[in-house]
Amino acid sequence: MDVRIGVTQAPREITVEIDDAARDDLHARVEAALSGATDVLWLDDRRGRQVAVPASKIAYVELGSPEERRIGFGG
């Protein structure tokens, strides 16, 4: 599953790929960060890297898989 996080005052968003099984846990952690219960949102990607985002800088969070992109002239 892809997770895209918009950060205030930053031109690019953060994209992290995580396991699909962690969706419910991630949803709860995002809600905690946005409600102010935690100061930092920590994410673990599929490669074992950890990403930290300050909760006060989160503009939006998108959870889901990327859309299938078609290449060429097909409809």
PDB file of N, CA and C in Angstrom:
ATOM      1  N   MET A   1       0.843  -1.160   0.000  1.00  0.00           N
ATOM      2  CA  MET A   1       0.000   0.000   0.000  1.00  0.00           C
ATOM      3  C   MET A   1       0.896   1.234   0.000  1.00  0.00           C
ATOM      4  N   ASP A   2       0.511   2.208  -0.769  1.00  0.00           N
ATOM      5  CA  ASP A   2       1.244   3.467  -0.815  1.00  0.00           C
ATOM      6  C   ASP A   2       0.622   4.466   0.152  1.00  0.00           C
ATOM      7  N   VAL A   3       1.468   5.212   0.824  1.00  0.00           N
ATOM      8  CA  VAL A   3       1.045   6.263   1.729  1.00  0.00           C
ATOM      9  C   VAL A   3       1.689   7.553   1.246  1.00  0.00           C
ATOM     10  N   ARG A   4       0.868   8.563   1.003  1.00  0.00           N
ATOM     11  CA  ARG A   4       1.383   9.870   0.589  1.00  0.00           C
ATOM     12  C   ARG A   4       1.028  10.880   1.664  1.00  0.00           C
ATOM     13  N   ILE A   5       2.042  11.634   2.093  1.00  0.00           N
ATOM     14  CA  ILE A   5       1.855  12.616   3.162  1.00  0.00           C
ATOM     15  C   ILE A   5       2.263  13.979   2.640  1.00  0.00           C
ATOM     16  N   GLY A   6       1.341  14.915   2.701  1.00  0.00           N
ATOM     17  CA  GLY A   6       1.641  16.296   2.359  1.00  0.00           C
ATOM     18  C   GLY A   6       2.156  17.016   3.585  1.00  0.00           C
ATOM     19  N   VAL A   7       3.225  17.762   3.416  1.00  0.00           N
ATOM     20  CA  VAL A   7       3.848  18.486   4.518  1.00  0.00           C
ATOM     21  C   VAL A   7       3.705  19.975   4.249  1.00  0.00           C
ATOM     22  N   THR A   8       3.286  20.718   5.273  1.00  0.00           N
ATOM     23  CA  THR A   8       3.116  22.162   5.100  1.00  0.00           C
ATOM     24  C   THR A   8       4.461  22.823   4.805  1.00  0.00           C
ATOM     25  N   GLN A   9       4.412  23.819   3.962  1.00  0.00           N
ATOM     26  CA  GLN A   9       5.574  24.604   3.550  1.00  0.00           C
ATOM     27  C   GLN A   9       6.658  23.756   2.897  1.00  0.00           C
ATOM     28  N   ALA A  10       6.252  22.682   2.207  1.00  0.00           N
ATOM     29  CA  ALA A  10       7.183  21.840   1.451  1.00  0.00           C
ATOM     30  C   ALA A  10       6.563  21.592   0.075  1.00  0.00           C
ATOM     31  N   PRO A  11       7.333  21.770  -0.984  1.00  0.00           N
ATOM     32  CA  PRO A  11       6.763  21.626  -2.329  1.00  0.00           C
ATOM     33  C   PRO A  11       6.471  20.178  -2.727  1.00  0.00           C
ATOM     34  N   ARG A  12       7.107  19.211  -2.090  1.00  0.00           N
ATOM     35  CA  ARG A  12       6.913  17.811  -2.464  1.00  0.00           C
ATOM     36  C   ARG A  12       6.281  17.052  -1.316  1.00  0.00           C
ATOM     37  N   GLU A  13       5.601  15.971  -1.668  1.00  0.00           N
ATOM     38  CA  GLU A  13       5.004  15.132  -0.646  1.00  0.00           C
ATOM     39  C   GLU A  13       5.913  13.945  -0.345  1.00  0.00           C
ATOM     40  N   ILE A  14       5.693  13.311   0.793  1.00  0.00           N
ATOM     41  CA  ILE A  14       6.444  12.129   1.188  1.00  0.00           C
ATOM     42  C   ILE A  14       5.649  10.913   0.744  1.00  0.00           C
ATOM     43  N   THR A  15       6.303   9.972   0.060  1.00  0.00           N
ATOM     44  CA  THR A  15       5.658   8.746  -0.376  1.00  0.00           C
ATOM     45  C   THR A  15       6.381   7.565   0.250  1.00  0.00           C
ATOM     46  N   VAL A  16       5.616   6.716   0.941  1.00  0.00           N
ATOM     47  CA  VAL A  16       6.163   5.553   1.624  1.00  0.00           C
ATOM     48  C   VAL A  16       5.319   4.347   1.232  1.00  0.00           C
ATOM     49  N   GLU A  17       5.984   3.231   0.953  1.00  0.00           N
ATOM     50  CA  GLU A  17       5.278   1.999   0.620  1.00  0.00           C
ATOM     51  C   GLU A  17       5.334   1.074   1.836  1.00  0.00           C
ATOM     52  N   ILE A  18       4.152   0.711   2.368  1.00  0.00           N
ATOM     53  CA  ILE A  18       4.098  -0.145   3.549  1.00  0.00           C
ATOM     54  C   ILE A  18       3.294  -1.400   3.237  1.00  0.00           C
ATOM     55  N   ASP A  19       3.361  -2.381   4.146  1.00  0.00           N
ATOM     56  CA  ASP A  19       2.609  -3.621   3.977  1.00  0.00           C
ATOM     57  C   ASP A  19       1.114  -3.349   4.111  1.00  0.00           C
ATOM     58  N   ASP A  20       0.319  -4.081   3.333  1.00  0.00           N
ATOM     59  CA  ASP A  20      -1.133  -3.917   3.381  1.00  0.00           C
ATOM     60  C   ASP A  20      -1.709  -4.325   4.732  1.00  0.00           C
ATOM     61  N   ALA A  21      -1.056  -5.249   5.424  1.00  0.00           N
ATOM     62  CA  ALA A  21      -1.553  -5.729   6.717  1.00  0.00           C
ATOM     63  C   ALA A  21      -1.482  -4.647   7.792  1.00  0.00           C
ATOM     64  N   ALA A  22      -0.663  -3.639   7.613  1.00  0.00           N
ATOM     65  CA  ALA A  22      -0.477  -2.592   8.616  1.00  0.00           C
ATOM     66  C   ALA A  22      -1.442  -1.421   8.432  1.00  0.00           C
ATOM     67  N   ARG A  23      -2.434  -1.564   7.565  1.00  0.00           N
ATOM     68  CA  ARG A  23      -3.340  -0.460   7.244  1.00  0.00           C
ATOM     69  C   ARG A  23      -4.100   0.045   8.477  1.00  0.00           C
ATOM     70  N   ASP A  24      -4.695  -0.858   9.257  1.00  0.00           N
ATOM     71  CA  ASP A  24      -5.477  -0.434  10.422  1.00  0.00           C
ATOM     72  C   ASP A  24      -4.600   0.227  11.475  1.00  0.00           C
ATOM     73  N   ASP A  25      -3.415  -0.324  11.703  1.00  0.00           N
ATOM     74  CA  ASP A  25      -2.484   0.257  12.666  1.00  0.00           C
ATOM     75  C   ASP A  25      -2.045   1.646  12.211  1.00  0.00           C
ATOM     76  N   LEU A  26      -1.762   1.782  10.934  1.00  0.00           N
ATOM     77  CA  LEU A  26      -1.338   3.072  10.405  1.00  0.00           C
ATOM     78  C   LEU A  26      -2.464   4.096  10.522  1.00  0.00           C
ATOM     79  N   HIS A  27      -3.672   3.682  10.232  1.00  0.00           N
ATOM     80  CA  HIS A  27      -4.823   4.580  10.337  1.00  0.00           C
ATOM     81  C   HIS A  27      -4.944   5.119  11.761  1.00  0.00           C
ATOM     82  N   ALA A  28      -4.784   4.262  12.755  1.00  0.00           N
ATOM     83  CA  ALA A  28      -4.863   4.685  14.155  1.00  0.00           C
ATOM     84  C   ALA A  28      -3.723   5.628  14.518  1.00  0.00           C
ATOM     85  N   ARG A  29      -2.509   5.357  14.007  1.00  0.00           N
ATOM     86  CA  ARG A  29      -1.372   6.232  14.306  1.00  0.00           C
ATOM     87  C   ARG A  29      -1.525   7.601  13.656  1.00  0.00           C
ATOM     88  N   VAL A  30      -2.088   7.646  12.442  1.00  0.00           N
ATOM     89  CA  VAL A  30      -2.320   8.929  11.773  1.00  0.00           C
ATOM     90  C   VAL A  30      -3.355   9.735  12.550  1.00  0.00           C
ATOM     91  N   GLU A  31      -4.431   9.086  12.983  1.00  0.00           N
ATOM     92  CA  GLU A  31      -5.441   9.790  13.777  1.00  0.00           C
ATOM     93  C   GLU A  31      -4.854  10.331  15.076  1.00  0.00           C
ATOM     94  N   ALA A  32      -3.995   9.556  15.728  1.00  0.00           N
ATOM     95  CA  ALA A  32      -3.364  10.013  16.966  1.00  0.00           C
ATOM     96  C   ALA A  32      -2.472  11.222  16.704  1.00  0.00           C
ATOM     97  N   ALA A  33      -1.740  11.202  15.608  1.00  0.00           N
ATOM     98  CA  ALA A  33      -0.852  12.328  15.281  1.00  0.00           C
ATOM     99  C   ALA A  33      -1.657  13.586  14.955  1.00  0.00           C
ATOM    100  N   LEU A  34      -2.740  13.431  14.221  1.00  0.00           N
ATOM    101  CA  LEU A  34      -3.529  14.599  13.831  1.00  0.00           C
ATOM    102  C   LEU A  34      -4.340  15.160  14.997  1.00  0.00           C
ATOM    103  N   SER A  35      -4.674  14.323  15.965  1.00  0.00           N
ATOM    104  CA  SER A  35      -5.436  14.803  17.123  1.00  0.00           C
ATOM    105  C   SER A  35      -4.542  15.430  18.186  1.00  0.00           C
ATOM    106  N   GLY A  36      -3.232  15.274  18.045  1.00  0.00           N
ATOM    107  CA  GLY A  36      -2.300  15.859  18.996  1.00  0.00           C
ATOM    108  C   GLY A  36      -1.871  14.910  20.097  1.00  0.00           C
ATOM    109  N   ALA A  37      -2.287  13.645  20.014  1.00  0.00           N
ATOM    110  CA  ALA A  37      -1.906  12.669  21.035  1.00  0.00           C
ATOM    111  C   ALA A  37      -0.420  12.317  20.956  1.00  0.00           C
ATOM    112  N   THR A  38       0.155  12.398  19.760  1.00  0.00           N
ATOM    113  CA  THR A  38       1.590  12.175  19.585  1.00  0.00           C
ATOM    114  C   THR A  38       2.177  13.348  18.813  1.00  0.00           C
ATOM    115  N   ASP A  39       3.456  13.597  19.012  1.00  0.00           N
ATOM    116  CA  ASP A  39       4.125  14.722  18.344  1.00  0.00           C
ATOM    117  C   ASP A  39       4.743  14.331  17.017  1.00  0.00           C
ATOM    118  N   VAL A  40       5.048  13.026  16.844  1.00  0.00           N
ATOM    119  CA  VAL A  40       5.727  12.554  15.642  1.00  0.00           C
ATOM    120  C   VAL A  40       5.008  11.323  15.100  1.00  0.00           C
ATOM    121  N   LEU A  41       4.799  11.285  13.794  1.00  0.00           N
ATOM    122  CA  LEU A  41       4.243  10.113  13.126  1.00  0.00           C
ATOM    123  C   LEU A  41       5.400   9.304  12.557  1.00  0.00           C
ATOM    124  N   TRP A  42       5.590   8.086  13.069  1.00  0.00           N
ATOM    125  CA  TRP A  42       6.651   7.195  12.600  1.00  0.00           C
ATOM    126  C   TRP A  42       6.060   6.173  11.649  1.00  0.00           C
ATOM    127  N   LEU A  43       6.716   5.975  10.505  1.00  0.00           N
ATOM    128  CA  LEU A  43       6.294   4.988   9.517  1.00  0.00           C
ATOM    129  C   LEU A  43       7.447   4.042   9.226  1.00  0.00           C
ATOM    130  N   ASP A  44       7.147   2.750   9.102  1.00  0.00           N
ATOM    131  CA  ASP A  44       8.133   1.739   8.712  1.00  0.00           C
ATOM    132  C   ASP A  44       7.770   1.256   7.323  1.00  0.00           C
ATOM    133  N   ASP A  45       8.687   1.423   6.348  1.00  0.00           N
ATOM    134  CA  ASP A  45       8.374   0.997   4.991  1.00  0.00           C
ATOM    135  C   ASP A  45       8.732  -0.475   4.783  1.00  0.00           C
ATOM    136  N   ARG A  46       8.458  -0.967   3.588  1.00  0.00           N
ATOM    137  CA  ARG A  46       8.695  -2.379   3.268  1.00  0.00           C
ATOM    138  C   ARG A  46      10.163  -2.748   3.267  1.00  0.00           C
ATOM    139  N   ARG A  47      11.041  -1.800   3.100  1.00  0.00           N
ATOM    140  CA  ARG A  47      12.482  -2.059   3.052  1.00  0.00           C
ATOM    141  C   ARG A  47      13.141  -1.971   4.426  1.00  0.00           C
ATOM    142  N   GLY A  48      12.351  -1.678   5.459  1.00  0.00           N
ATOM    143  CA  GLY A  48      12.890  -1.593   6.803  1.00  0.00           C
ATOM    144  C   GLY A  48      13.324  -0.204   7.217  1.00  0.00           C
ATOM    145  N   ARG A  49      13.162   0.774   6.349  1.00  0.00           N
ATOM    146  CA  ARG A  49      13.520   2.149   6.707  1.00  0.00           C
ATOM    147  C   ARG A  49      12.425   2.761   7.566  1.00  0.00           C
ATOM    148  N   GLN A  50      12.793   3.716   8.397  1.00  0.00           N
ATOM    149  CA  GLN A  50      11.837   4.426   9.229  1.00  0.00           C
ATOM    150  C   GLN A  50      11.794   5.883   8.810  1.00  0.00           C
ATOM    151  N   VAL A  51      10.577   6.413   8.749  1.00  0.00           N
ATOM    152  CA  VAL A  51      10.364   7.800   8.358  1.00  0.00           C
ATOM    153  C   VAL A  51       9.601   8.484   9.487  1.00  0.00           C
ATOM    154  N   ALA A  52      10.067   9.643   9.904  1.00  0.00           N
ATOM    155  CA  ALA A  52       9.408  10.423  10.950  1.00  0.00           C
ATOM    156  C   ALA A  52       8.898  11.724  10.360  1.00  0.00           C
ATOM    157  N   VAL A  53       7.659  12.055  10.677  1.00  0.00           N
ATOM    158  CA  VAL A  53       7.056  13.301  10.211  1.00  0.00           C
ATOM    159  C   VAL A  53       6.496  14.022  11.431  1.00  0.00           C
ATOM    160  N   PRO A  54       6.889  15.271  11.664  1.00  0.00           N
ATOM    161  CA  PRO A  54       6.312  16.016  12.792  1.00  0.00           C
ATOM    162  C   PRO A  54       4.803  16.182  12.592  1.00  0.00           C
ATOM    163  N   ALA A  55       4.035  15.836  13.587  1.00  0.00           N
ATOM    164  CA  ALA A  55       2.577  15.873  13.472  1.00  0.00           C
ATOM    165  C   ALA A  55       2.061  17.276  13.164  1.00  0.00           C
ATOM    166  N   SER A  56       2.720  18.287  13.657  1.00  0.00           N
ATOM    167  CA  SER A  56       2.265  19.659  13.429  1.00  0.00           C
ATOM    168  C   SER A  56       2.467  20.112  11.986  1.00  0.00           C
ATOM    169  N   LYS A  57       3.270  19.389  11.207  1.00  0.00           N
ATOM    170  CA  LYS A  57       3.551  19.768   9.824  1.00  0.00           C
ATOM    171  C   LYS A  57       2.747  18.963   8.795  1.00  0.00           C
ATOM    172  N   ILE A  58       1.914  18.017   9.241  1.00  0.00           N
ATOM    173  CA  ILE A  58       1.147  17.186   8.322  1.00  0.00           C
ATOM    174  C   ILE A  58      -0.018  17.985   7.755  1.00  0.00           C
ATOM    175  N   ALA A  59      -0.077  18.091   6.424  1.00  0.00           N
ATOM    176  CA  ALA A  59      -1.174  18.777   5.759  1.00  0.00           C
ATOM    177  C   ALA A  59      -2.275  17.785   5.382  1.00  0.00           C
ATOM    178  N   TYR A  60      -1.894  16.616   4.858  1.00  0.00           N
ATOM    179  CA  TYR A  60      -2.863  15.579   4.500  1.00  0.00           C
ATOM    180  C   TYR A  60      -2.159  14.239   4.430  1.00  0.00           C
ATOM    181  N   VAL A  61      -2.940  13.163   4.508  1.00  0.00           N
ATOM    182  CA  VAL A  61      -2.426  11.800   4.405  1.00  0.00           C
ATOM    183  C   VAL A  61      -3.361  11.027   3.489  1.00  0.00           C
ATOM    184  N   GLU A  62      -2.806  10.374   2.468  1.00  0.00           N
ATOM    185  CA  GLU A  62      -3.575   9.524   1.560  1.00  0.00           C
ATOM    186  C   GLU A  62      -3.114   8.085   1.744  1.00  0.00           C
ATOM    187  N   LEU A  63      -4.051   7.191   2.051  1.00  0.00           N
ATOM    188  CA  LEU A  63      -3.760   5.776   2.182  1.00  0.00           C
ATOM    189  C   LEU A  63      -4.368   5.048   0.997  1.00  0.00           C
ATOM    190  N   GLY A  64      -3.608   4.195   0.352  1.00  0.00           N
ATOM    191  CA  GLY A  64      -4.155   3.419  -0.752  1.00  0.00           C
ATOM    192  C   GLY A  64      -3.102   3.051  -1.753  1.00  0.00           C
ATOM    193  N   SER A  65      -3.522   2.266  -2.715  1.00  0.00           N
ATOM    194  CA  SER A  65      -2.630   1.836  -3.785  1.00  0.00           C
ATOM    195  C   SER A  65      -2.677   2.857  -4.910  1.00  0.00           C
ATOM    196  N   PRO A  66      -1.594   2.962  -5.667  1.00  0.00           N
ATOM    197  CA  PRO A  66      -1.603   3.920  -6.771  1.00  0.00           C
ATOM    198  C   PRO A  66      -2.538   3.443  -7.880  1.00  0.00           C
ATOM    199  N   GLU A  67      -3.060   4.390  -8.633  1.00  0.00           N
ATOM    200  CA  GLU A  67      -3.903   4.042  -9.772  1.00  0.00           C
ATOM    201  C   GLU A  67      -3.060   3.398 -10.854  1.00  0.00           C
ATOM    202  N   GLU A  68      -3.675   2.505 -11.590  1.00  0.00           N
ATOM    203  CA  GLU A  68      -2.972   1.867 -12.701  1.00  0.00           C
ATOM    204  C   GLU A  68      -2.807   2.876 -13.824  1.00  0.00           C
ATOM    205  N   ARG A  69      -1.597   3.065 -14.253  1.00  0.00           N
ATOM    206  CA  ARG A  69      -1.330   4.046 -15.307  1.00  0.00           C
ATOM    207  C   ARG A  69      -1.109   3.316 -16.619  1.00  0.00           C
ATOM    208  N   ARG A  70      -1.777   3.786 -17.646  1.00  0.00           N
ATOM    209  CA  ARG A  70      -1.632   3.179 -18.958  1.00  0.00           C
ATOM    210  C   ARG A  70      -0.649   3.988 -19.776  1.00  0.00           C
ATOM    211  N   ILE A  71       0.129   3.274 -20.546  1.00  0.00           N
ATOM    212  CA  ILE A  71       1.117   3.916 -21.400  1.00  0.00           C
ATOM    213  C   ILE A  71       0.741   3.632 -22.839  1.00  0.00           C
ATOM    214  N   GLY A  72       0.817   4.649 -23.668  1.00  0.00           N
ATOM    215  CA  GLY A  72       0.520   4.461 -25.082  1.00  0.00           C
ATOM    216  C   GLY A  72      -0.770   5.135 -25.478  1.00  0.00           C
ATOM    217  N   PHE A  73      -1.338   4.667 -26.608  1.00  0.00           N
ATOM    218  CA  PHE A  73      -2.525   5.307 -27.173  1.00  0.00           C
ATOM    219  C   PHE A  73      -3.805   4.573 -26.808  1.00  0.00           C
ATOM    220  N   GLY A  74      -3.736   3.528 -26.014  1.00  0.00           N
ATOM    221  CA  GLY A  74      -4.930   2.751 -25.646  1.00  0.00           C
ATOM    222  C   GLY A  74      -5.877   3.563 -24.785  1.00  0.00           C
ATOM    223  N   GLY A  75      -7.133   3.166 -24.767  1.00  0.00           N
ATOM    224  CA  GLY A  75      -8.166   3.894 -24.025  1.00  0.00           C
ATOM    225  C   GLY A  75      -8.247   3.444 -22.661  1.00  0.00           C
TER     226      GLY A  75
END
